[in-house]
N, C-alpha and C. Protein backbone atom coordinates (compact mmCIF):
# COMPACT_ATOMS: atom_id res chain seq x y z
N MET A 1 -4.11 -21.92 -25.38
CA MET A 1 -4.45 -20.57 -25.75
C MET A 1 -4.66 -20.44 -27.25
N GLY A 2 -3.95 -21.24 -28.02
CA GLY A 2 -4.05 -21.16 -29.46
C GLY A 2 -5.42 -21.50 -30.00
N LYS A 3 -6.21 -22.25 -29.23
CA LYS A 3 -7.54 -22.66 -29.68
C LYS A 3 -8.65 -21.76 -29.16
N ASP A 4 -8.29 -20.76 -28.39
CA ASP A 4 -9.27 -19.87 -27.78
C ASP A 4 -9.09 -18.48 -28.39
N ASP A 5 -10.10 -18.01 -29.12
CA ASP A 5 -9.93 -16.76 -29.86
C ASP A 5 -9.95 -15.51 -28.96
N ARG A 6 -10.10 -15.68 -27.64
CA ARG A 6 -9.97 -14.54 -26.74
C ARG A 6 -8.50 -14.16 -26.55
N TYR A 7 -7.59 -15.08 -26.87
CA TYR A 7 -6.16 -14.85 -26.69
C TYR A 7 -5.52 -14.41 -28.00
N ALA A 8 -4.52 -13.55 -27.89
CA ALA A 8 -3.71 -13.17 -29.05
C ALA A 8 -2.26 -13.05 -28.58
N THR A 9 -1.35 -13.50 -29.42
CA THR A 9 0.07 -13.42 -29.10
C THR A 9 0.80 -12.79 -30.27
N PHE A 10 1.69 -11.85 -29.95
CA PHE A 10 2.50 -11.17 -30.95
C PHE A 10 3.96 -11.32 -30.54
N VAL A 11 4.81 -11.58 -31.52
CA VAL A 11 6.23 -11.78 -31.23
C VAL A 11 7.08 -10.75 -31.95
N ALA A 12 8.24 -10.49 -31.37
CA ALA A 12 9.26 -9.66 -32.01
C ALA A 12 10.40 -10.59 -32.38
N GLU A 13 10.82 -10.51 -33.62
CA GLU A 13 11.91 -11.37 -34.10
C GLU A 13 13.10 -10.51 -34.51
N GLU A 14 14.25 -11.08 -34.34
CA GLU A 14 15.48 -10.46 -34.82
C GLU A 14 16.35 -11.58 -35.38
N GLY A 15 16.67 -11.48 -36.65
CA GLY A 15 17.48 -12.52 -37.29
C GLY A 15 16.83 -13.88 -37.26
N GLY A 16 15.48 -13.92 -37.34
CA GLY A 16 14.77 -15.19 -37.34
C GLY A 16 14.58 -15.80 -35.95
N MET A 17 15.01 -15.09 -34.92
CA MET A 17 14.88 -15.59 -33.55
C MET A 17 13.87 -14.73 -32.79
N VAL A 18 12.99 -15.36 -32.04
CA VAL A 18 12.04 -14.62 -31.21
C VAL A 18 12.82 -14.01 -30.05
N VAL A 19 12.71 -12.67 -29.91
CA VAL A 19 13.43 -11.96 -28.85
C VAL A 19 12.47 -11.32 -27.85
N GLY A 20 11.17 -11.35 -28.16
CA GLY A 20 10.18 -10.79 -27.25
C GLY A 20 8.79 -11.22 -27.66
N LEU A 21 7.87 -11.12 -26.71
CA LEU A 21 6.48 -11.45 -27.02
C LEU A 21 5.55 -10.73 -26.07
N VAL A 22 4.33 -10.56 -26.53
CA VAL A 22 3.24 -10.07 -25.69
C VAL A 22 2.04 -10.95 -25.99
N THR A 23 1.36 -11.35 -24.95
CA THR A 23 0.14 -12.14 -25.13
C THR A 23 -1.00 -11.44 -24.38
N THR A 24 -2.16 -11.41 -25.01
CA THR A 24 -3.31 -10.72 -24.44
C THR A 24 -4.50 -11.66 -24.35
N ILE A 25 -5.44 -11.27 -23.50
CA ILE A 25 -6.73 -11.95 -23.44
C ILE A 25 -7.82 -10.89 -23.34
N THR A 26 -8.89 -11.09 -24.06
CA THR A 26 -10.04 -10.20 -23.99
C THR A 26 -10.99 -10.77 -22.93
N CYS A 27 -11.33 -9.92 -21.97
CA CYS A 27 -12.15 -10.34 -20.83
C CYS A 27 -13.46 -9.57 -20.79
N LEU A 28 -14.47 -10.20 -20.24
CA LEU A 28 -15.73 -9.52 -19.96
C LEU A 28 -15.72 -9.08 -18.51
N ALA A 29 -16.35 -7.95 -18.22
CA ALA A 29 -16.40 -7.47 -16.85
C ALA A 29 -17.57 -6.50 -16.69
N ILE A 30 -18.14 -6.50 -15.51
CA ILE A 30 -19.20 -5.54 -15.19
C ILE A 30 -18.63 -4.14 -15.32
N GLY A 31 -19.37 -3.27 -15.95
CA GLY A 31 -18.92 -1.89 -16.12
C GLY A 31 -18.10 -1.67 -17.38
N HIS A 32 -17.84 -2.73 -18.12
CA HIS A 32 -17.10 -2.64 -19.38
C HIS A 32 -17.94 -3.33 -20.45
N PRO A 33 -18.85 -2.61 -21.08
CA PRO A 33 -19.79 -3.24 -22.02
C PRO A 33 -19.11 -4.01 -23.16
N ASN A 34 -17.95 -3.55 -23.58
CA ASN A 34 -17.22 -4.26 -24.64
C ASN A 34 -16.08 -5.08 -24.08
N GLY A 35 -16.04 -5.24 -22.77
CA GLY A 35 -14.95 -5.96 -22.15
C GLY A 35 -13.70 -5.11 -22.06
N TYR A 36 -12.61 -5.76 -21.73
CA TYR A 36 -11.31 -5.08 -21.70
C TYR A 36 -10.26 -6.09 -22.13
N THR A 37 -9.11 -5.59 -22.49
CA THR A 37 -8.00 -6.45 -22.89
C THR A 37 -6.96 -6.42 -21.79
N LYS A 38 -6.47 -7.59 -21.43
CA LYS A 38 -5.44 -7.72 -20.40
C LYS A 38 -4.18 -8.28 -21.04
N ILE A 39 -3.07 -7.62 -20.75
CA ILE A 39 -1.79 -8.19 -21.16
C ILE A 39 -1.51 -9.33 -20.19
N ASN A 40 -1.46 -10.51 -20.72
CA ASN A 40 -1.28 -11.72 -19.91
C ASN A 40 0.19 -12.04 -19.72
N GLY A 41 1.02 -11.56 -20.61
CA GLY A 41 2.45 -11.78 -20.51
C GLY A 41 3.19 -10.86 -21.46
N LEU A 42 4.31 -10.33 -21.00
CA LEU A 42 5.17 -9.47 -21.82
C LEU A 42 6.60 -9.78 -21.43
N GLY A 43 7.42 -10.05 -22.40
CA GLY A 43 8.82 -10.33 -22.10
C GLY A 43 9.72 -10.03 -23.27
N VAL A 44 10.91 -9.55 -22.95
CA VAL A 44 11.96 -9.31 -23.94
C VAL A 44 13.23 -9.92 -23.37
N LEU A 45 13.93 -10.68 -24.19
CA LEU A 45 15.18 -11.28 -23.72
C LEU A 45 16.11 -10.19 -23.19
N PRO A 46 16.79 -10.46 -22.06
CA PRO A 46 17.62 -9.42 -21.43
C PRO A 46 18.60 -8.74 -22.38
N GLU A 47 19.22 -9.49 -23.25
CA GLU A 47 20.22 -8.91 -24.16
C GLU A 47 19.59 -8.07 -25.28
N HIS A 48 18.26 -8.06 -25.35
CA HIS A 48 17.57 -7.28 -26.39
C HIS A 48 16.75 -6.14 -25.80
N ARG A 49 16.90 -5.91 -24.50
CA ARG A 49 16.16 -4.81 -23.86
C ARG A 49 16.80 -3.47 -24.19
N ASP A 50 16.05 -2.42 -23.97
CA ASP A 50 16.48 -1.04 -24.23
C ASP A 50 16.71 -0.77 -25.71
N LYS A 51 15.98 -1.51 -26.56
CA LYS A 51 16.04 -1.30 -28.01
C LYS A 51 14.67 -0.90 -28.57
N GLY A 52 13.70 -0.68 -27.69
CA GLY A 52 12.37 -0.30 -28.14
C GLY A 52 11.45 -1.47 -28.43
N ILE A 53 11.91 -2.70 -28.17
CA ILE A 53 11.09 -3.88 -28.48
C ILE A 53 9.87 -3.94 -27.56
N GLY A 54 10.06 -3.71 -26.26
CA GLY A 54 8.93 -3.71 -25.33
C GLY A 54 7.89 -2.67 -25.70
N ARG A 55 8.35 -1.50 -26.07
CA ARG A 55 7.45 -0.42 -26.51
C ARG A 55 6.67 -0.86 -27.75
N MET A 56 7.34 -1.45 -28.70
CA MET A 56 6.68 -1.91 -29.92
C MET A 56 5.62 -2.96 -29.60
N LEU A 57 5.94 -3.88 -28.69
CA LEU A 57 5.00 -4.94 -28.33
C LEU A 57 3.78 -4.37 -27.61
N ILE A 58 4.00 -3.43 -26.69
CA ILE A 58 2.87 -2.78 -26.00
C ILE A 58 2.00 -2.04 -27.01
N GLU A 59 2.62 -1.32 -27.94
CA GLU A 59 1.86 -0.59 -28.95
C GLU A 59 1.05 -1.55 -29.82
N LYS A 60 1.60 -2.71 -30.12
CA LYS A 60 0.87 -3.72 -30.90
C LYS A 60 -0.33 -4.21 -30.12
N ALA A 61 -0.16 -4.45 -28.81
CA ALA A 61 -1.28 -4.88 -27.97
C ALA A 61 -2.35 -3.79 -27.91
N GLU A 62 -1.94 -2.53 -27.81
CA GLU A 62 -2.90 -1.42 -27.78
C GLU A 62 -3.68 -1.35 -29.09
N GLU A 63 -2.97 -1.47 -30.20
CA GLU A 63 -3.62 -1.46 -31.52
C GLU A 63 -4.63 -2.60 -31.61
N PHE A 64 -4.23 -3.79 -31.18
CA PHE A 64 -5.12 -4.95 -31.22
C PHE A 64 -6.37 -4.69 -30.37
N ALA A 65 -6.20 -4.15 -29.17
CA ALA A 65 -7.33 -3.90 -28.28
C ALA A 65 -8.31 -2.92 -28.92
N LYS A 66 -7.79 -1.88 -29.56
CA LYS A 66 -8.66 -0.91 -30.23
C LYS A 66 -9.46 -1.56 -31.34
N VAL A 67 -8.80 -2.35 -32.17
CA VAL A 67 -9.48 -3.03 -33.27
C VAL A 67 -10.49 -4.03 -32.73
N ASP A 68 -10.16 -4.66 -31.60
CA ASP A 68 -11.04 -5.64 -30.97
C ASP A 68 -12.26 -4.97 -30.34
N GLY A 69 -12.22 -3.64 -30.16
CA GLY A 69 -13.36 -2.90 -29.65
C GLY A 69 -13.39 -2.72 -28.15
N THR A 70 -12.32 -3.07 -27.45
CA THR A 70 -12.30 -2.85 -26.01
C THR A 70 -11.78 -1.46 -25.71
N MET A 71 -12.19 -0.92 -24.56
CA MET A 71 -11.84 0.46 -24.22
C MET A 71 -10.60 0.56 -23.33
N TYR A 72 -10.22 -0.53 -22.70
CA TYR A 72 -9.10 -0.49 -21.76
C TYR A 72 -8.14 -1.63 -22.04
N LEU A 73 -6.87 -1.33 -21.81
CA LEU A 73 -5.83 -2.36 -21.83
C LEU A 73 -5.16 -2.28 -20.47
N GLY A 74 -5.08 -3.40 -19.79
CA GLY A 74 -4.49 -3.43 -18.46
C GLY A 74 -3.51 -4.58 -18.31
N LEU A 75 -2.80 -4.57 -17.20
CA LEU A 75 -1.84 -5.62 -16.92
C LEU A 75 -1.59 -5.70 -15.43
N VAL A 76 -1.02 -6.79 -15.00
CA VAL A 76 -0.63 -6.98 -13.61
C VAL A 76 0.88 -7.14 -13.60
N SER A 77 1.53 -6.53 -12.61
CA SER A 77 2.98 -6.62 -12.52
C SER A 77 3.37 -6.81 -11.06
N GLY A 78 4.30 -7.70 -10.81
CA GLY A 78 4.74 -7.99 -9.45
C GLY A 78 5.26 -6.74 -8.75
N LEU A 79 5.02 -6.67 -7.44
CA LEU A 79 5.42 -5.50 -6.65
C LEU A 79 6.92 -5.21 -6.75
N GLN A 80 7.74 -6.23 -6.88
CA GLN A 80 9.19 -6.06 -6.90
C GLN A 80 9.72 -5.57 -8.24
N ARG A 81 8.90 -5.51 -9.27
CA ARG A 81 9.36 -5.19 -10.62
C ARG A 81 9.33 -3.68 -10.89
N GLU A 82 10.08 -2.94 -10.11
CA GLU A 82 10.05 -1.48 -10.17
C GLU A 82 10.49 -0.92 -11.53
N THR A 83 11.47 -1.56 -12.15
CA THR A 83 11.91 -1.11 -13.48
C THR A 83 10.78 -1.26 -14.49
N ALA A 84 10.06 -2.38 -14.41
CA ALA A 84 8.92 -2.60 -15.31
C ALA A 84 7.83 -1.57 -15.03
N HIS A 85 7.60 -1.26 -13.75
CA HIS A 85 6.57 -0.27 -13.41
C HIS A 85 6.90 1.09 -14.03
N ALA A 86 8.15 1.48 -13.95
CA ALA A 86 8.56 2.77 -14.54
C ALA A 86 8.33 2.74 -16.05
N PHE A 87 8.62 1.62 -16.70
CA PHE A 87 8.40 1.47 -18.14
C PHE A 87 6.91 1.64 -18.45
N TYR A 88 6.04 0.95 -17.70
CA TYR A 88 4.60 1.04 -17.96
C TYR A 88 4.10 2.47 -17.76
N GLU A 89 4.59 3.13 -16.74
CA GLU A 89 4.18 4.52 -16.51
C GLU A 89 4.64 5.43 -17.64
N ARG A 90 5.85 5.21 -18.17
CA ARG A 90 6.31 5.99 -19.33
C ARG A 90 5.42 5.74 -20.54
N MET A 91 4.83 4.55 -20.61
CA MET A 91 3.94 4.21 -21.72
C MET A 91 2.52 4.75 -21.50
N GLY A 92 2.28 5.44 -20.36
CA GLY A 92 0.99 6.05 -20.12
C GLY A 92 0.05 5.25 -19.23
N TYR A 93 0.52 4.16 -18.64
CA TYR A 93 -0.31 3.34 -17.77
C TYR A 93 -0.29 3.89 -16.36
N GLN A 94 -1.42 3.75 -15.67
CA GLN A 94 -1.56 4.26 -14.30
C GLN A 94 -1.75 3.09 -13.34
N LYS A 95 -1.17 3.22 -12.15
CA LYS A 95 -1.42 2.25 -11.08
C LYS A 95 -2.81 2.56 -10.54
N THR A 96 -3.71 1.59 -10.62
CA THR A 96 -5.08 1.85 -10.19
C THR A 96 -5.60 0.86 -9.16
N SER A 97 -4.89 -0.22 -8.91
CA SER A 97 -5.41 -1.21 -7.97
C SER A 97 -4.30 -2.15 -7.52
N TYR A 98 -4.66 -3.00 -6.60
CA TYR A 98 -3.79 -4.11 -6.19
C TYR A 98 -4.41 -5.40 -6.70
N TRP A 99 -3.58 -6.35 -6.99
CA TRP A 99 -4.04 -7.68 -7.41
C TRP A 99 -3.91 -8.57 -6.18
N PHE A 100 -4.98 -9.25 -5.83
CA PHE A 100 -4.95 -10.17 -4.71
C PHE A 100 -5.14 -11.58 -5.25
N ARG A 101 -4.45 -12.54 -4.67
CA ARG A 101 -4.64 -13.92 -5.10
C ARG A 101 -4.46 -14.84 -3.92
N LYS A 102 -4.98 -16.04 -4.10
CA LYS A 102 -4.87 -17.06 -3.07
C LYS A 102 -4.65 -18.39 -3.75
N ARG A 103 -3.62 -19.09 -3.35
CA ARG A 103 -3.37 -20.42 -3.91
C ARG A 103 -4.39 -21.39 -3.35
N LEU A 104 -4.99 -22.15 -4.23
CA LEU A 104 -6.03 -23.13 -3.83
C LEU A 104 -5.52 -24.55 -3.92
């Protein structure tokens, strides 16, 4: 990912230690002339949650997407991750689709 400029990664540090990260990819898609940005991964160490780190990382990804010129920022989250879903909804994200996949 480091050699592909479609990807961007931002980290949150505390005391010189990485405690959270968000990684994005800019994608092209029909109906999105400037593409869209997808959060490819978001994580905060359990002992550092509920401190606003996840919010800060999402806001950084949103800022990056705006500067990058894309109109949408999206993400995929597992069905069982209800706490994460509530967090995303508090951040203004809407459930708009299902993700389907098939192992090949």
